[in-house]
């Protein structure tokens, strides 16, 4: 059987490369909540792939769980629970590898490479991005309003040349500037 989508389509739909999507799906499909079982009414429950697709749609587009229900034919409650459990699983499984500070050897390697490139004492590139938050809850609108009146968040990141993100900070506009970020 041939896949329905090519690699570009998968990345467009789920905002993640096919290899990463597959790796996460294969890691989570045997977890109790994601397994295909028979429920109390003797009906077969949703396939694990169906649940993972729903969660990725919610995560990738920031859409509400009840909006994805038409796409994957699951209830809002199941999609919300799947999204929460998938994010917890990803954090527990890959957090220690990817969500950590650089150790001294890694830091020395990064600093040495940047020194050879003519930037001694530089860990990486700092960038700031303002993202407009279209679905900002009304009760939070004042805290996330920019000087221009748009609702959004500010994201600051430090990356090395291999595109490893060594520092990431997200917060409200007007409260973050380069000095505040570097102190955190």
C-alpha atoms as a PDB file:
ATOM      1  CA  UNK A   1       0.000   0.000   0.000  1.00  0.00           C
ATOM      2  CA  UNK A   2       1.398   3.395  -0.981  1.00  0.00           C
ATOM      3  CA  UNK A   3       1.302   6.302   1.465  1.00  0.00           C
ATOM      4  CA  UNK A   4      -1.322   8.959   0.751  1.00  0.00           C
ATOM      5  CA  UNK A   5       0.996  11.891   1.372  1.00  0.00           C
ATOM      6  CA  UNK A   6       4.584  12.519   0.373  1.00  0.00           C
ATOM      7  CA  UNK A   7       7.158  13.918   2.806  1.00  0.00           C
ATOM      8  CA  UNK A   8       6.367  17.534   1.946  1.00  0.00           C
ATOM      9  CA  UNK A   9       2.632  17.001   2.513  1.00  0.00           C
ATOM     10  CA  UNK A  10       3.242  15.390   5.911  1.00  0.00           C
ATOM     11  CA  UNK A  11       5.440  18.281   7.005  1.00  0.00           C
ATOM     12  CA  UNK A  12       2.874  20.804   5.753  1.00  0.00           C
ATOM     13  CA  UNK A  13      -0.040  19.097   7.499  1.00  0.00           C
ATOM     14  CA  UNK A  14       1.621  18.273  10.820  1.00  0.00           C
ATOM     15  CA  UNK A  15       4.531  20.751  10.996  1.00  0.00           C
ATOM     16  CA  UNK A  16       6.997  17.934  11.614  1.00  0.00           C
ATOM     17  CA  UNK A  17       9.088  15.773   9.243  1.00  0.00           C
ATOM     18  CA  UNK A  18       7.671  12.343   8.392  1.00  0.00           C
ATOM     19  CA  UNK A  19      10.552  10.569  10.169  1.00  0.00           C
ATOM     20  CA  UNK A  20       9.814  12.422  13.436  1.00  0.00           C
ATOM     21  CA  UNK A  21       6.070  11.850  13.118  1.00  0.00           C
ATOM     22  CA  UNK A  22       6.676   8.145  12.566  1.00  0.00           C
ATOM     23  CA  UNK A  23       9.165   7.926  15.444  1.00  0.00           C
ATOM     24  CA  UNK A  24       6.679   9.500  17.848  1.00  0.00           C
ATOM     25  CA  UNK A  25       3.808   7.345  16.576  1.00  0.00           C
ATOM     26  CA  UNK A  26       5.803   4.105  16.919  1.00  0.00           C
ATOM     27  CA  UNK A  27       6.907   5.078  20.427  1.00  0.00           C
ATOM     28  CA  UNK A  28       3.400   5.908  21.654  1.00  0.00           C
ATOM     29  CA  UNK A  29       1.163   3.386  19.840  1.00  0.00           C
ATOM     30  CA  UNK A  30       1.608   0.644  22.472  1.00  0.00           C
ATOM     31  CA  UNK A  31       0.839   2.872  25.446  1.00  0.00           C
ATOM     32  CA  UNK A  32      -2.423   1.853  27.168  1.00  0.00           C
ATOM     33  CA  UNK A  33      -4.482   4.933  26.233  1.00  0.00           C
ATOM     34  CA  UNK A  34      -3.403   4.814  22.583  1.00  0.00           C
ATOM     35  CA  UNK A  35      -3.997   1.083  22.029  1.00  0.00           C
ATOM     36  CA  UNK A  36      -6.996   0.001  19.997  1.00  0.00           C
ATOM     37  CA  UNK A  37      -9.340  -1.727  22.460  1.00  0.00           C
ATOM     38  CA  UNK A  38     -12.955  -2.715  22.819  1.00  0.00           C
ATOM     39  CA  UNK A  39     -14.902  -0.321  25.045  1.00  0.00           C
ATOM     40  CA  UNK A  40     -17.731  -0.986  27.513  1.00  0.00           C
ATOM     41  CA  UNK A  41     -20.332  -1.024  24.728  1.00  0.00           C
ATOM     42  CA  UNK A  42     -18.390  -3.766  22.873  1.00  0.00           C
ATOM     43  CA  UNK A  43     -17.359  -1.349  20.127  1.00  0.00           C
ATOM     44  CA  UNK A  44     -13.837  -1.008  18.799  1.00  0.00           C
ATOM     45  CA  UNK A  45     -12.153   2.225  19.891  1.00  0.00           C
ATOM     46  CA  UNK A  46     -10.123   4.556  17.689  1.00  0.00           C
ATOM     47  CA  UNK A  47      -6.904   3.461  16.041  1.00  0.00           C
ATOM     48  CA  UNK A  48      -3.692   4.838  17.644  1.00  0.00           C
ATOM     49  CA  UNK A  49      -2.784   6.615  14.397  1.00  0.00           C
ATOM     50  CA  UNK A  50      -6.144   8.392  14.458  1.00  0.00           C
ATOM     51  CA  UNK A  51      -5.421   9.700  17.959  1.00  0.00           C
ATOM     52  CA  UNK A  52      -1.873  10.793  17.117  1.00  0.00           C
ATOM     53  CA  UNK A  53      -3.046  12.595  13.964  1.00  0.00           C
ATOM     54  CA  UNK A  54      -5.682  14.439  16.006  1.00  0.00           C
ATOM     55  CA  UNK A  55      -3.143  15.494  18.629  1.00  0.00           C
ATOM     56  CA  UNK A  56      -0.659  16.673  15.998  1.00  0.00           C
ATOM     57  CA  UNK A  57      -3.349  18.746  14.289  1.00  0.00           C
ATOM     58  CA  UNK A  58      -4.161  20.459  17.586  1.00  0.00           C
ATOM     59  CA  UNK A  59      -0.477  21.024  18.385  1.00  0.00           C
ATOM     60  CA  UNK A  60       0.574  22.082  14.864  1.00  0.00           C
ATOM     61  CA  UNK A  61      -2.208  24.575  14.233  1.00  0.00           C
ATOM     62  CA  UNK A  62      -3.182  25.537  17.767  1.00  0.00           C
ATOM     63  CA  UNK A  63      -6.735  24.650  16.900  1.00  0.00           C
ATOM     64  CA  UNK A  64      -9.360  23.673  19.420  1.00  0.00           C
ATOM     65  CA  UNK A  65     -10.022  19.972  19.978  1.00  0.00           C
ATOM     66  CA  UNK A  66     -13.626  20.308  18.832  1.00  0.00           C
ATOM     67  CA  UNK A  67     -12.433  21.682  15.490  1.00  0.00           C
ATOM     68  CA  UNK A  68     -10.254  18.634  14.809  1.00  0.00           C
ATOM     69  CA  UNK A  69     -13.126  16.252  15.578  1.00  0.00           C
ATOM     70  CA  UNK A  70     -14.510  16.581  12.046  1.00  0.00           C
ATOM     71  CA  UNK A  71     -11.124  15.756  10.538  1.00  0.00           C
ATOM     72  CA  UNK A  72     -10.410  12.599  12.568  1.00  0.00           C
ATOM     73  CA  UNK A  73     -13.926  11.669  13.739  1.00  0.00           C
ATOM     74  CA  UNK A  74     -13.097  11.597  17.453  1.00  0.00           C
ATOM     75  CA  UNK A  75     -14.839  13.418  20.282  1.00  0.00           C
ATOM     76  CA  UNK A  76     -13.495  16.674  21.692  1.00  0.00           C
ATOM     77  CA  UNK A  77     -12.807  14.953  25.015  1.00  0.00           C
ATOM     78  CA  UNK A  78     -10.753  12.162  23.438  1.00  0.00           C
ATOM     79  CA  UNK A  79      -8.761  14.632  21.321  1.00  0.00           C
ATOM     80  CA  UNK A  80      -8.031  16.873  24.322  1.00  0.00           C
ATOM     81  CA  UNK A  81      -6.935  13.917  26.440  1.00  0.00           C
ATOM     82  CA  UNK A  82      -4.835  12.510  23.591  1.00  0.00           C
ATOM     83  CA  UNK A  83      -3.093  15.849  23.087  1.00  0.00           C
ATOM     84  CA  UNK A  84      -2.308  16.147  26.789  1.00  0.00           C
ATOM     85  CA  UNK A  85      -1.022  12.574  27.063  1.00  0.00           C
ATOM     86  CA  UNK A  86       1.027  12.852  23.871  1.00  0.00           C
ATOM     87  CA  UNK A  87       2.719  16.053  25.054  1.00  0.00           C
ATOM     88  CA  UNK A  88       3.469  14.483  28.449  1.00  0.00           C
ATOM     89  CA  UNK A  89       4.884  11.397  26.738  1.00  0.00           C
ATOM     90  CA  UNK A  90       7.111  13.453  24.413  1.00  0.00           C
ATOM     91  CA  UNK A  91       8.363  15.532  27.335  1.00  0.00           C
ATOM     92  CA  UNK A  92       9.168  12.462  29.476  1.00  0.00           C
ATOM     93  CA  UNK A  93      10.697  10.457  26.634  1.00  0.00           C
ATOM     94  CA  UNK A  94      12.798  13.071  24.858  1.00  0.00           C
ATOM     95  CA  UNK A  95      12.999  15.866  27.429  1.00  0.00           C
ATOM     96  CA  UNK A  96      16.259  14.696  29.031  1.00  0.00           C
ATOM     97  CA  UNK A  97      17.901  14.581  25.587  1.00  0.00           C
ATOM     98  CA  UNK A  98      16.591  17.794  24.075  1.00  0.00           C
ATOM     99  CA  UNK A  99      15.357  19.993  26.937  1.00  0.00           C
ATOM    100  CA  UNK A 100      18.523  20.610  28.872  1.00  0.00           C
ATOM    101  CA  UNK A 101      21.375  23.031  29.245  1.00  0.00           C
ATOM    102  CA  UNK A 102      24.623  22.305  27.373  1.00  0.00           C
ATOM    103  CA  UNK A 103      27.199  20.434  29.423  1.00  0.00           C
ATOM    104  CA  UNK A 104      30.718  21.820  29.711  1.00  0.00           C
ATOM    105  CA  UNK A 105      32.118  19.713  26.846  1.00  0.00           C
ATOM    106  CA  UNK A 106      29.356  20.821  24.479  1.00  0.00           C
ATOM    107  CA  UNK A 107      29.785  24.436  25.520  1.00  0.00           C
ATOM    108  CA  UNK A 108      33.565  24.240  24.966  1.00  0.00           C
ATOM    109  CA  UNK A 109      33.012  22.728  21.497  1.00  0.00           C
ATOM    110  CA  UNK A 110      30.522  25.442  20.557  1.00  0.00           C
ATOM    111  CA  UNK A 111      32.785  28.215  21.843  1.00  0.00           C
ATOM    112  CA  UNK A 112      35.821  26.768  20.024  1.00  0.00           C
ATOM    113  CA  UNK A 113      33.942  26.519  16.700  1.00  0.00           C
ATOM    114  CA  UNK A 114      32.713  30.092  17.040  1.00  0.00           C
ATOM    115  CA  UNK A 115      36.232  31.256  17.908  1.00  0.00           C
ATOM    116  CA  UNK A 116      37.507  29.635  14.678  1.00  0.00           C
ATOM    117  CA  UNK A 117      34.762  31.480  12.778  1.00  0.00           C
ATOM    118  CA  UNK A 118      36.001  34.806  14.161  1.00  0.00           C
ATOM    119  CA  UNK A 119      33.514  35.202  17.025  1.00  0.00           C
ATOM    120  CA  UNK A 120      35.402  34.470  20.265  1.00  0.00           C
ATOM    121  CA  UNK A 121      33.231  34.249  23.396  1.00  0.00           C
ATOM    122  CA  UNK A 122      30.051  33.748  21.376  1.00  0.00           C
ATOM    123  CA  UNK A 123      27.809  30.820  22.208  1.00  0.00           C
ATOM    124  CA  UNK A 124      25.353  31.241  19.354  1.00  0.00           C
ATOM    125  CA  UNK A 125      22.928  33.507  17.591  1.00  0.00           C
ATOM    126  CA  UNK A 126      20.218  35.340  19.517  1.00  0.00           C
ATOM    127  CA  UNK A 127      16.985  36.081  17.734  1.00  0.00           C
ATOM    128  CA  UNK A 128      13.722  37.646  18.791  1.00  0.00           C
ATOM    129  CA  UNK A 129      10.392  37.018  17.128  1.00  0.00           C
ATOM    130  CA  UNK A 130       6.962  38.506  17.755  1.00  0.00           C
ATOM    131  CA  UNK A 131       4.157  36.056  17.041  1.00  0.00           C
ATOM    132  CA  UNK A 132       0.614  37.270  16.672  1.00  0.00           C
ATOM    133  CA  UNK A 133      -1.761  35.260  18.867  1.00  0.00           C
ATOM    134  CA  UNK A 134      -5.077  35.180  17.032  1.00  0.00           C
ATOM    135  CA  UNK A 135      -6.779  32.867  19.536  1.00  0.00           C
ATOM    136  CA  UNK A 136      -5.689  34.678  22.687  1.00  0.00           C
ATOM    137  CA  UNK A 137      -8.342  34.221  25.402  1.00  0.00           C
ATOM    138  CA  UNK A 138     -10.210  37.451  26.119  1.00  0.00           C
ATOM    139  CA  UNK A 139      -9.324  37.402  29.812  1.00  0.00           C
ATOM    140  CA  UNK A 140      -5.608  37.423  28.908  1.00  0.00           C
ATOM    141  CA  UNK A 141      -5.796  39.982  26.101  1.00  0.00           C
ATOM    142  CA  UNK A 142      -4.487  42.910  28.143  1.00  0.00           C
ATOM    143  CA  UNK A 143      -1.365  41.068  29.300  1.00  0.00           C
ATOM    144  CA  UNK A 144      -0.432  39.982  25.776  1.00  0.00           C
ATOM    145  CA  UNK A 145      -1.203  43.196  23.903  1.00  0.00           C
ATOM    146  CA  UNK A 146       1.664  44.896  22.110  1.00  0.00           C
ATOM    147  CA  UNK A 147       2.224  48.623  21.707  1.00  0.00           C
ATOM    148  CA  UNK A 148       0.472  48.413  18.341  1.00  0.00           C
ATOM    149  CA  UNK A 149      -2.622  46.844  19.907  1.00  0.00           C
ATOM    150  CA  UNK A 150      -2.046  43.344  18.545  1.00  0.00           C
ATOM    151  CA  UNK A 151      -2.196  40.321  20.825  1.00  0.00           C
ATOM    152  CA  UNK A 152       0.910  38.204  20.683  1.00  0.00           C
ATOM    153  CA  UNK A 153       3.889  36.654  22.389  1.00  0.00           C
ATOM    154  CA  UNK A 154       7.598  37.337  22.163  1.00  0.00           C
ATOM    155  CA  UNK A 155       9.930  34.399  21.603  1.00  0.00           C
ATOM    156  CA  UNK A 156      13.681  34.702  22.064  1.00  0.00           C
ATOM    157  CA  UNK A 157      16.074  31.891  21.224  1.00  0.00           C
ATOM    158  CA  UNK A 158      19.821  31.200  21.215  1.00  0.00           C
ATOM    159  CA  UNK A 159      20.927  28.631  18.631  1.00  0.00           C
ATOM    160  CA  UNK A 160      24.279  27.236  17.587  1.00  0.00           C
ATOM    161  CA  UNK A 161      25.313  26.604  13.984  1.00  0.00           C
ATOM    162  CA  UNK A 162      23.823  23.083  14.093  1.00  0.00           C
ATOM    163  CA  UNK A 163      20.437  24.682  14.899  1.00  0.00           C
ATOM    164  CA  UNK A 164      20.308  23.286  18.431  1.00  0.00           C
ATOM    165  CA  UNK A 165      18.220  25.633  20.538  1.00  0.00           C
ATOM    166  CA  UNK A 166      20.173  26.163  23.756  1.00  0.00           C
ATOM    167  CA  UNK A 167      17.956  28.841  25.211  1.00  0.00           C
ATOM    168  CA  UNK A 168      14.286  29.597  24.580  1.00  0.00           C
ATOM    169  CA  UNK A 169      12.076  32.094  26.324  1.00  0.00           C
ATOM    170  CA  UNK A 170       8.499  33.007  25.500  1.00  0.00           C
ATOM    171  CA  UNK A 171       6.515  35.715  27.196  1.00  0.00           C
ATOM    172  CA  UNK A 172       4.326  38.752  26.942  1.00  0.00           C
ATOM    173  CA  UNK A 173       5.265  41.775  24.816  1.00  0.00           C
ATOM    174  CA  UNK A 174       6.567  44.898  26.581  1.00  0.00           C
ATOM    175  CA  UNK A 175       7.952  42.782  29.422  1.00  0.00           C
ATOM    176  CA  UNK A 176      10.808  41.218  27.478  1.00  0.00           C
ATOM    177  CA  UNK A 177      13.792  42.894  25.954  1.00  0.00           C
ATOM    178  CA  UNK A 178      17.283  41.554  25.246  1.00  0.00           C
ATOM    179  CA  UNK A 179      18.581  42.502  28.703  1.00  0.00           C
ATOM    180  CA  UNK A 180      15.711  40.779  30.543  1.00  0.00           C
ATOM    181  CA  UNK A 181      16.046  37.684  28.367  1.00  0.00           C
ATOM    182  CA  UNK A 182      19.768  37.299  28.896  1.00  0.00           C
ATOM    183  CA  UNK A 183      19.345  37.618  32.656  1.00  0.00           C
ATOM    184  CA  UNK A 184      16.879  34.736  32.619  1.00  0.00           C
END
